[in-house]
Amino acid sequence: MALSYKARRRLSLLVLLVGLPAYIVAAVSIVSLLDRPSILVELMVYIGLGVIWAVPLKKVFKGIGQADPNAPDDGADHS
C-alpha cells in the first residue's frame, strides 16, 4: 500500500509531534527501571534507542522535504 505524498506528510508530522515524545518518555522510563549502568553503557543504550525508532519509519519520512511530485507544474521558471 503506497501512501500519497500528502498522507506521508501528515503521518510524519503526527509521528514527530506525538510519537517521538511518547517514545522518548517510554525509553527513559524503561532505562530508569534498570540499575544504574556505567555511563558508557547508558550512552550506548540511548544511542541505540535513538536510531531504532527511525528505522521502521524510513519510508514515511523519505522525500517529505521535497516538493510534491504529484503537484501540477505551473510551467514558470523560478530561477
C-alpha atoms as a PDB file:
ATOM      1  CA  MET A   1       0.000   0.000   0.000  1.00  0.00           C
ATOM      2  CA  ALA A   2       1.633   3.217  -1.163  1.00  0.00           C
ATOM      3  CA  LEU A   3       0.784   6.351   0.781  1.00  0.00           C
ATOM      4  CA  SER A   4       0.210   9.576  -1.084  1.00  0.00           C
ATOM      5  CA  TYR A   5       2.598  12.469  -0.560  1.00  0.00           C
ATOM      6  CA  LYS A   6       0.011  14.390   1.468  1.00  0.00           C
ATOM      7  CA  ALA A   7      -0.720  11.362   3.674  1.00  0.00           C
ATOM      8  CA  ARG A   8       3.019  10.804   4.281  1.00  0.00           C
ATOM      9  CA  ARG A   9       3.441  14.475   5.273  1.00  0.00           C
ATOM     10  CA  ARG A  10       0.571  14.281   7.735  1.00  0.00           C
ATOM     11  CA  LEU A  11       1.764  10.963   9.146  1.00  0.00           C
ATOM     12  CA  SER A  12       5.334  12.232   9.547  1.00  0.00           C
ATOM     13  CA  LEU A  13       4.068  15.323  11.377  1.00  0.00           C
ATOM     14  CA  LEU A  14       1.980  13.142  13.689  1.00  0.00           C
ATOM     15  CA  VAL A  15       4.960  10.879  14.370  1.00  0.00           C
ATOM     16  CA  LEU A  16       7.248  13.808  15.161  1.00  0.00           C
ATOM     17  CA  LEU A  17       4.779  15.705  17.353  1.00  0.00           C
ATOM     18  CA  VAL A  18       3.137  12.820  19.208  1.00  0.00           C
ATOM     19  CA  GLY A  19       5.000   9.576  18.604  1.00  0.00           C
ATOM     20  CA  LEU A  20       8.569  10.723  19.174  1.00  0.00           C
ATOM     21  CA  PRO A  21       7.936  12.419  22.547  1.00  0.00           C
ATOM     22  CA  ALA A  22       5.985   9.342  23.675  1.00  0.00           C
ATOM     23  CA  TYR A  23       8.860   7.111  22.549  1.00  0.00           C
ATOM     24  CA  ILE A  24      11.353   9.278  24.463  1.00  0.00           C
ATOM     25  CA  VAL A  25       9.286   9.075  27.662  1.00  0.00           C
ATOM     26  CA  ALA A  26       8.963   5.298  27.253  1.00  0.00           C
ATOM     27  CA  ALA A  27      12.703   4.869  26.612  1.00  0.00           C
ATOM     28  CA  VAL A  28      13.688   6.961  29.651  1.00  0.00           C
ATOM     29  CA  SER A  29      11.168   5.103  31.811  1.00  0.00           C
ATOM     30  CA  ILE A  30      12.487   1.712  30.729  1.00  0.00           C
ATOM     31  CA  VAL A  31      16.120   2.704  31.268  1.00  0.00           C
ATOM     32  CA  SER A  32      15.282   4.128  34.709  1.00  0.00           C
ATOM     33  CA  LEU A  33      13.911   0.722  35.759  1.00  0.00           C
ATOM     34  CA  LEU A  34      17.378  -0.781  35.327  1.00  0.00           C
ATOM     35  CA  ASP A  35      20.092  -0.419  37.912  1.00  0.00           C
ATOM     36  CA  ARG A  36      22.388   2.461  37.038  1.00  0.00           C
ATOM     37  CA  PRO A  37      24.867   1.027  34.495  1.00  0.00           C
ATOM     38  CA  SER A  38      28.153   2.690  33.640  1.00  0.00           C
ATOM     39  CA  ILE A  39      27.871   5.936  31.707  1.00  0.00           C
ATOM     40  CA  LEU A  40      29.179   4.326  28.506  1.00  0.00           C
ATOM     41  CA  VAL A  41      26.617   1.523  28.632  1.00  0.00           C
ATOM     42  CA  GLU A  42      23.833   4.024  29.300  1.00  0.00           C
ATOM     43  CA  LEU A  43      25.044   6.213  26.436  1.00  0.00           C
ATOM     44  CA  MET A  44      25.088   3.245  24.054  1.00  0.00           C
ATOM     45  CA  VAL A  45      21.536   2.285  25.107  1.00  0.00           C
ATOM     46  CA  TYR A  46      20.267   5.808  24.406  1.00  0.00           C
ATOM     47  CA  ILE A  47      22.094   5.962  21.056  1.00  0.00           C
ATOM     48  CA  GLY A  48      20.646   2.574  20.093  1.00  0.00           C
ATOM     49  CA  LEU A  49      17.136   3.626  21.082  1.00  0.00           C
ATOM     50  CA  GLY A  50      17.635   6.907  19.215  1.00  0.00           C
ATOM     51  CA  VAL A  51      18.333   5.063  15.979  1.00  0.00           C
ATOM     52  CA  ILE A  52      15.808   2.235  16.362  1.00  0.00           C
ATOM     53  CA  TRP A  53      12.726   4.491  16.213  1.00  0.00           C
ATOM     54  CA  ALA A  54      13.632   5.818  12.757  1.00  0.00           C
ATOM     55  CA  VAL A  55      14.314   2.502  11.014  1.00  0.00           C
ATOM     56  CA  PRO A  56      10.678   1.355  10.592  1.00  0.00           C
ATOM     57  CA  LEU A  57       9.579   4.903   9.680  1.00  0.00           C
ATOM     58  CA  LYS A  58      12.159   5.471   6.935  1.00  0.00           C
ATOM     59  CA  LYS A  59       9.576   5.163   4.147  1.00  0.00           C
ATOM     60  CA  VAL A  60       7.281   7.686   5.838  1.00  0.00           C
ATOM     61  CA  PHE A  61       9.987  10.365   6.076  1.00  0.00           C
ATOM     62  CA  LYS A  62      11.608   9.744   2.680  1.00  0.00           C
ATOM     63  CA  GLY A  63      11.083  12.714   0.347  1.00  0.00           C
ATOM     64  CA  ILE A  64       8.966  14.772   2.748  1.00  0.00           C
ATOM     65  CA  GLY A  65      11.247  17.814   2.447  1.00  0.00           C
ATOM     66  CA  GLN A  66      10.882  17.852  -1.347  1.00  0.00           C
ATOM     67  CA  ALA A  67       8.152  19.443  -3.420  1.00  0.00           C
ATOM     68  CA  ASP A  68       5.012  17.414  -4.046  1.00  0.00           C
ATOM     69  CA  PRO A  69       5.829  15.143  -7.008  1.00  0.00           C
ATOM     70  CA  ASN A  70       2.127  14.911  -7.927  1.00  0.00           C
ATOM     71  CA  ALA A  71       1.505  18.656  -7.940  1.00  0.00           C
ATOM     72  CA  PRO A  72       0.797  20.147 -11.366  1.00  0.00           C
ATOM     73  CA  ASP A  73       3.742  22.064 -12.772  1.00  0.00           C
ATOM     74  CA  ASP A  74       2.837  25.701 -13.414  1.00  0.00           C
ATOM     75  CA  GLY A  75       5.404  25.912 -16.203  1.00  0.00           C
ATOM     76  CA  ALA A  76       7.091  29.027 -14.859  1.00  0.00           C
ATOM     77  CA  ASP A  77      10.865  29.126 -14.494  1.00  0.00           C
ATOM     78  CA  HIS A  78      11.725  30.116 -10.914  1.00  0.00           C
ATOM     79  CA  SER A  79      15.429  30.739 -11.376  1.00  0.00           C
END
